[in-house]
């Protein structure tokens, strides 16, 4: 019974100004809450009604809630903590209703804050890139807007549509800024290189002008020096005795006597007597 009351309280109790806590989605929340409150307050109907109104709200407050999502395990854990704190508050200030309600209001604010943090943490968890590696079974999620229980897996578009859009926008802006930065860097570098090239060309032109002016001045000076240089002139140059080359006698080759070949006596061939043919 205590566990059921915790879940019921978790799914029902929250005012409009603190919407999005998914506390109204348990059908028997009011009955379980009132029952446990009566047990703790010893059937003090006034205190039970005050606690019920504080945590469960009225019909108008239960008609409008936010569009957050909360996983059942988180709801059960936070509900258990809430009911434990309420039990301590009731035991401490059971007879003093004023102190009881003040402490209950403080506990209610802390409880709703914890639920909102749990909802944000759950959305971040189910939409993270590491969800598929660490979670292999679907989540049982309460949709706070219409109290539907969803079976949601990692990266579920019903839950992650908003964060995915924000992430896509941030990535697009980052890429756009990166492209703009690269374009600006390229333009600045190109402009700097063009200025450097133009400056180098101006320096080369200036050096060429200096070289040409220096060359012209040097040629003028050389012409003037050639005109002013004294060349010795000889009217009667001295005679130079050039010795004649020595005579060179080429010796005649020695005579060569070719010996005559020896005489060779060819013997006469022998005579052959051929007999005459017989007469027939």
Protein backbone atom coordinates (compact mmCIF):
# COMPACT_ATOMS: atom_id res chain seq x y z
CA UNK A 1 0.00 0.00 0.00
CA UNK A 2 2.80 2.39 0.82
CA UNK A 3 4.44 1.80 -2.58
CA UNK A 4 1.16 2.39 -4.36
CA UNK A 5 0.64 5.60 -2.45
CA UNK A 6 4.10 6.78 -3.42
CA UNK A 7 3.44 6.21 -7.10
CA UNK A 8 0.03 7.80 -6.84
CA UNK A 9 1.41 10.86 -5.16
CA UNK A 10 4.18 11.12 -7.70
CA UNK A 11 1.80 11.06 -10.66
CA UNK A 12 -0.79 13.52 -9.36
CA UNK A 13 0.44 16.24 -7.05
CA UNK A 14 1.59 19.48 -8.70
CA UNK A 15 0.06 22.94 -9.32
CA UNK A 16 -0.10 24.70 -12.67
CA UNK A 17 2.78 27.09 -11.92
CA UNK A 18 5.04 24.09 -11.37
CA UNK A 19 3.88 22.15 -14.40
CA UNK A 20 5.68 19.36 -16.16
CA UNK A 21 6.22 17.04 -13.17
CA UNK A 22 3.94 14.20 -14.41
CA UNK A 23 2.39 13.73 -10.95
CA UNK A 24 -1.24 13.58 -12.09
CA UNK A 25 -0.90 10.56 -14.36
CA UNK A 26 -1.53 7.84 -11.74
CA UNK A 27 -5.30 7.11 -11.65
CA UNK A 28 -5.64 6.34 -7.92
CA UNK A 29 -3.18 8.95 -6.65
CA UNK A 30 -5.69 10.94 -4.61
CA UNK A 31 -7.18 7.89 -2.90
CA UNK A 32 -3.80 6.44 -1.96
CA UNK A 33 -2.49 9.77 -0.75
CA UNK A 34 -5.51 10.53 1.43
CA UNK A 35 -5.47 7.00 2.83
CA UNK A 36 -1.81 7.17 3.88
CA UNK A 37 -2.20 10.71 5.18
CA UNK A 38 -5.09 9.57 7.38
CA UNK A 39 -2.97 6.74 8.74
CA UNK A 40 -0.09 9.05 9.58
CA UNK A 41 -2.30 11.83 10.96
CA UNK A 42 -4.53 9.42 12.89
CA UNK A 43 -7.63 10.29 10.84
CA UNK A 44 -7.22 14.03 11.31
CA UNK A 45 -9.47 15.03 8.43
CA UNK A 46 -8.52 18.72 8.47
CA UNK A 47 -4.79 18.04 8.18
CA UNK A 48 -5.39 15.31 5.58
CA UNK A 49 -7.49 17.64 3.44
CA UNK A 50 -4.85 20.36 3.66
CA UNK A 51 -2.08 17.98 2.60
CA UNK A 52 -4.27 16.61 -0.18
CA UNK A 53 -5.03 20.07 -1.49
CA UNK A 54 -1.35 21.04 -1.26
CA UNK A 55 0.04 18.05 -3.13
CA UNK A 56 -2.86 16.95 -5.30
CA UNK A 57 -4.29 20.32 -6.27
CA UNK A 58 -7.82 20.92 -7.50
CA UNK A 59 -9.51 19.94 -10.74
CA UNK A 60 -8.57 23.16 -12.55
CA UNK A 61 -4.92 22.76 -11.63
CA UNK A 62 -4.91 19.16 -12.84
CA UNK A 63 -6.33 20.18 -16.25
CA UNK A 64 -3.17 21.85 -17.55
CA UNK A 65 0.39 20.56 -17.39
CA UNK A 66 3.60 20.85 -19.29
CA UNK A 67 4.92 18.57 -22.01
CA UNK A 68 7.85 16.97 -20.19
CA UNK A 69 8.76 13.30 -19.99
CA UNK A 70 9.70 11.26 -16.95
CA UNK A 71 10.83 7.67 -16.74
CA UNK A 72 9.04 5.39 -14.29
CA UNK A 73 12.14 4.38 -12.34
CA UNK A 74 12.91 8.03 -11.62
CA UNK A 75 9.32 8.63 -10.56
CA UNK A 76 9.32 5.71 -8.14
CA UNK A 77 12.62 6.74 -6.60
CA UNK A 78 11.63 10.38 -6.11
CA UNK A 79 8.20 9.39 -4.81
CA UNK A 80 9.77 7.12 -2.21
CA UNK A 81 12.00 9.95 -1.01
CA UNK A 82 9.03 12.33 -0.86
CA UNK A 83 6.83 10.04 1.19
CA UNK A 84 9.68 9.28 3.60
CA UNK A 85 10.21 13.01 4.16
CA UNK A 86 6.48 13.58 4.65
CA UNK A 87 6.35 10.81 7.21
CA UNK A 88 9.17 12.47 9.18
CA UNK A 89 7.43 15.85 8.94
CA UNK A 90 4.10 14.42 10.16
CA UNK A 91 5.73 12.60 13.05
CA UNK A 92 7.57 15.78 14.04
CA UNK A 93 4.67 18.27 13.72
CA UNK A 94 1.59 16.11 13.96
CA UNK A 95 -0.27 18.31 16.43
CA UNK A 96 0.87 21.68 15.03
CA UNK A 97 -0.93 22.02 11.73
CA UNK A 98 0.61 25.40 10.89
CA UNK A 99 4.18 24.15 11.20
CA UNK A 100 3.20 20.96 9.39
CA UNK A 101 1.86 22.85 6.36
CA UNK A 102 4.91 25.16 6.16
CA UNK A 103 7.30 22.23 6.16
CA UNK A 104 5.10 20.37 3.70
CA UNK A 105 5.15 23.35 1.31
CA UNK A 106 8.95 23.47 1.49
CA UNK A 107 9.14 19.75 0.85
CA UNK A 108 6.74 20.09 -2.07
CA UNK A 109 8.91 22.76 -3.74
CA UNK A 110 12.03 20.63 -3.31
CA UNK A 111 10.21 17.57 -4.61
CA UNK A 112 8.99 19.29 -7.78
CA UNK A 113 12.46 20.72 -8.38
CA UNK A 114 13.95 17.24 -8.10
CA UNK A 115 11.36 15.87 -10.52
CA UNK A 116 12.12 18.57 -13.08
CA UNK A 117 15.83 17.81 -12.78
CA UNK A 118 15.07 14.10 -13.18
CA UNK A 119 13.00 14.83 -16.29
CA UNK A 120 15.80 16.89 -17.86
CA UNK A 121 18.33 14.21 -16.94
CA UNK A 122 16.18 11.51 -18.51
CA UNK A 123 15.74 13.43 -21.77
CA UNK A 124 19.47 14.02 -21.89
CA UNK A 125 20.13 10.33 -21.22
CA UNK A 126 17.76 8.90 -23.83
CA UNK A 127 18.92 11.35 -26.51
CA UNK A 128 22.65 10.92 -25.88
CA UNK A 129 24.96 9.04 -28.25
CA UNK A 130 25.96 6.60 -25.50
CA UNK A 131 22.36 5.50 -24.83
CA UNK A 132 22.41 2.79 -27.49
CA UNK A 133 25.58 1.30 -26.02
CA UNK A 134 24.41 1.10 -22.40
CA UNK A 135 20.64 0.59 -22.72
CA UNK A 136 19.16 -2.32 -24.64
CA UNK A 137 15.58 -2.41 -23.33
CA UNK A 138 12.97 0.31 -23.89
CA UNK A 139 12.10 2.91 -21.29
CA UNK A 140 8.65 3.15 -19.72
CA UNK A 141 7.97 6.85 -19.94
CA UNK A 142 5.08 9.02 -18.77
CA UNK A 143 4.21 11.83 -21.17
CA UNK A 144 3.23 14.68 -18.89
CA UNK A 145 0.97 16.45 -21.36
CA UNK A 146 -1.59 13.68 -21.80
CA UNK A 147 -0.49 11.08 -19.20
CA UNK A 148 0.20 8.44 -21.82
CA UNK A 149 2.66 5.69 -20.96
CA UNK A 150 5.15 5.26 -23.78
CA UNK A 151 7.60 2.51 -24.61
CA UNK A 152 10.50 4.59 -25.82
CA UNK A 153 13.87 3.38 -27.05
CA UNK A 154 17.06 5.36 -27.39
CA UNK A 155 16.89 8.36 -29.75
CA UNK A 156 13.08 8.20 -29.84
CA UNK A 157 11.90 11.04 -32.07
CA UNK A 158 8.86 11.71 -29.85
CA UNK A 159 11.21 12.71 -27.03
CA UNK A 160 14.39 13.76 -28.80
CA UNK A 161 12.83 15.94 -31.51
CA UNK A 162 13.50 19.16 -29.59
CA UNK A 163 17.07 18.33 -28.48
CA UNK A 164 17.87 17.01 -31.95
CA UNK A 165 16.68 20.23 -33.54
CA UNK A 166 18.75 22.27 -31.10
CA UNK A 167 21.77 20.07 -31.75
CA UNK A 168 21.29 20.36 -35.52
CA UNK A 169 21.03 24.15 -35.26
CA UNK A 170 24.15 24.33 -33.11
CA UNK A 171 26.07 22.07 -35.48
CA UNK A 172 24.91 24.12 -38.48
CA UNK A 173 25.97 27.35 -36.80
CA UNK A 174 29.32 25.84 -35.88
CA UNK A 175 29.92 24.67 -39.45
CA UNK A 176 28.81 28.05 -40.82
CA UNK A 177 31.12 29.92 -38.48
CA UNK A 178 33.95 27.57 -39.43
CA UNK A 179 33.34 28.18 -43.15
CA UNK A 180 33.21 31.94 -42.61
CA UNK A 181 36.42 31.80 -40.59
CA UNK A 182 38.20 29.82 -43.30
CA UNK A 183 36.92 32.20 -45.99
CA UNK A 184 38.09 35.26 -44.06
CA UNK A 185 41.47 33.66 -43.43
CA UNK A 186 41.84 32.81 -47.13
CA UNK A 187 40.87 36.35 -48.20
CA UNK A 188 43.31 37.91 -45.75
CA UNK A 189 46.08 35.58 -46.84
CA UNK A 190 45.39 36.23 -50.53
CA UNK A 191 45.35 39.99 -49.94
CA UNK A 192 48.61 39.80 -48.02
CA UNK A 193 50.26 37.72 -50.75
CA UNK A 194 49.10 40.18 -53.44
CA UNK A 195 50.48 43.11 -51.47
CA UNK A 196 53.76 41.27 -50.99
CA UNK A 197 54.00 40.46 -54.71
CA UNK A 198 53.27 44.06 -55.70
CA UNK A 199 55.88 45.30 -53.25
CA UNK A 200 58.42 42.82 -54.64
CA UNK A 201 57.65 43.98 -58.19
CA UNK A 202 58.14 47.60 -57.16
CA UNK A 203 61.45 46.70 -55.53
CA UNK A 204 62.56 44.84 -58.67
CA UNK A 205 61.63 47.79 -60.89
CA UNK A 206 63.53 50.12 -58.62
CA UNK A 207 66.57 47.84 -58.67
CA UNK A 208 66.42 47.63 -62.46
CA UNK A 209 66.26 51.40 -62.73
CA UNK A 210 69.24 51.72 -60.40
CA UNK A 211 71.18 49.14 -62.40
CA UNK A 212 70.40 50.83 -65.72
CA UNK A 213 71.37 54.23 -64.38
CA UNK A 214 74.58 52.78 -62.96
CA UNK A 215 75.36 51.07 -66.28
CA UNK A 216 74.78 54.25 -68.27
CA UNK A 217 76.99 56.22 -65.93
CA UNK A 218 79.69 53.54 -66.17
CA UNK A 219 79.56 53.53 -69.99
CA UNK A 220 79.81 57.31 -70.10
CA UNK A 221 82.79 57.23 -67.79
CA UNK A 222 84.46 54.49 -69.87
CA UNK A 223 83.94 56.51 -73.06
CA UNK A 224 85.44 59.57 -71.43
CA UNK A 225 88.33 57.51 -70.15
CA UNK A 226 88.89 56.05 -73.63
CA UNK A 227 88.99 59.52 -75.10
CA UNK A 228 91.38 60.87 -72.52
CA UNK A 229 93.72 57.85 -72.49
CA UNK A 230 97.09 58.59 -74.31
CA UNK A 231 98.07 56.01 -76.88
CA UNK A 232 101.84 55.99 -77.87
CA UNK A 233 102.44 56.81 -81.54
CA UNK A 234 105.56 55.74 -83.38
CA UNK A 235 106.39 57.62 -86.59
CA UNK A 236 109.27 55.31 -87.59
CA UNK A 237 108.98 51.98 -85.87
CA UNK A 238 112.34 50.19 -85.36
CA UNK A 239 113.28 47.39 -87.71
CA UNK A 240 113.09 43.94 -86.31
CA UNK A 241 115.57 41.27 -87.51
CA UNK A 242 113.59 38.11 -87.89
CA UNK A 243 116.01 35.12 -88.20
CA UNK A 244 115.43 32.86 -91.17
CA UNK A 245 114.58 29.25 -90.40
CA UNK A 246 117.36 26.65 -90.86
CA UNK A 247 117.46 24.60 -94.05
CA UNK A 248 116.21 21.08 -93.70
CA UNK A 249 117.74 18.41 -96.02
CA UNK A 250 115.47 15.46 -96.57
CA UNK A 251 117.66 12.35 -97.23
CA UNK A 252 116.88 10.31 -100.32
CA UNK A 253 115.71 6.72 -99.74
CA UNK A 254 118.25 3.90 -100.40
CA UNK A 255 118.08 1.96 -103.66
CA UNK A 256 116.41 -1.40 -103.45
CA UNK A 257 117.59 -4.21 -105.86
CA UNK A 258 114.81 -6.68 -106.57
CA UNK A 259 116.44 -10.13 -107.27
CA UNK A 260 115.29 -11.93 -110.41
CA UNK A 261 113.43 -15.20 -109.89
CA UNK A 262 115.30 -18.48 -110.67
CA UNK A 263 114.76 -20.20 -114.00
CA UNK A 264 112.47 -23.19 -113.95
CA UNK A 265 112.87 -26.00 -116.59
CA UNK A 266 109.49 -27.47 -117.41
CA UNK A 267 109.91 -31.14 -118.59
CA UNK A 268 108.24 -32.16 -121.86
CA UNK A 269 105.26 -34.51 -121.57
CA UNK A 270 105.81 -38.12 -122.72
CA UNK A 271 104.66 -39.15 -126.14
CA UNK A 272 101.82 -41.62 -126.40
CA UNK A 273 101.36 -43.96 -129.47
CA UNK A 274 97.69 -44.42 -130.15
CA UNK A 275 96.99 -47.56 -132.28
CA UNK A 276 94.82 -47.22 -135.33
CA UNK A 277 91.51 -49.01 -135.36
CA UNK A 278 91.24 -52.35 -137.21
CA UNK A 279 89.73 -52.57 -140.66
CA UNK A 280 86.42 -54.35 -141.02
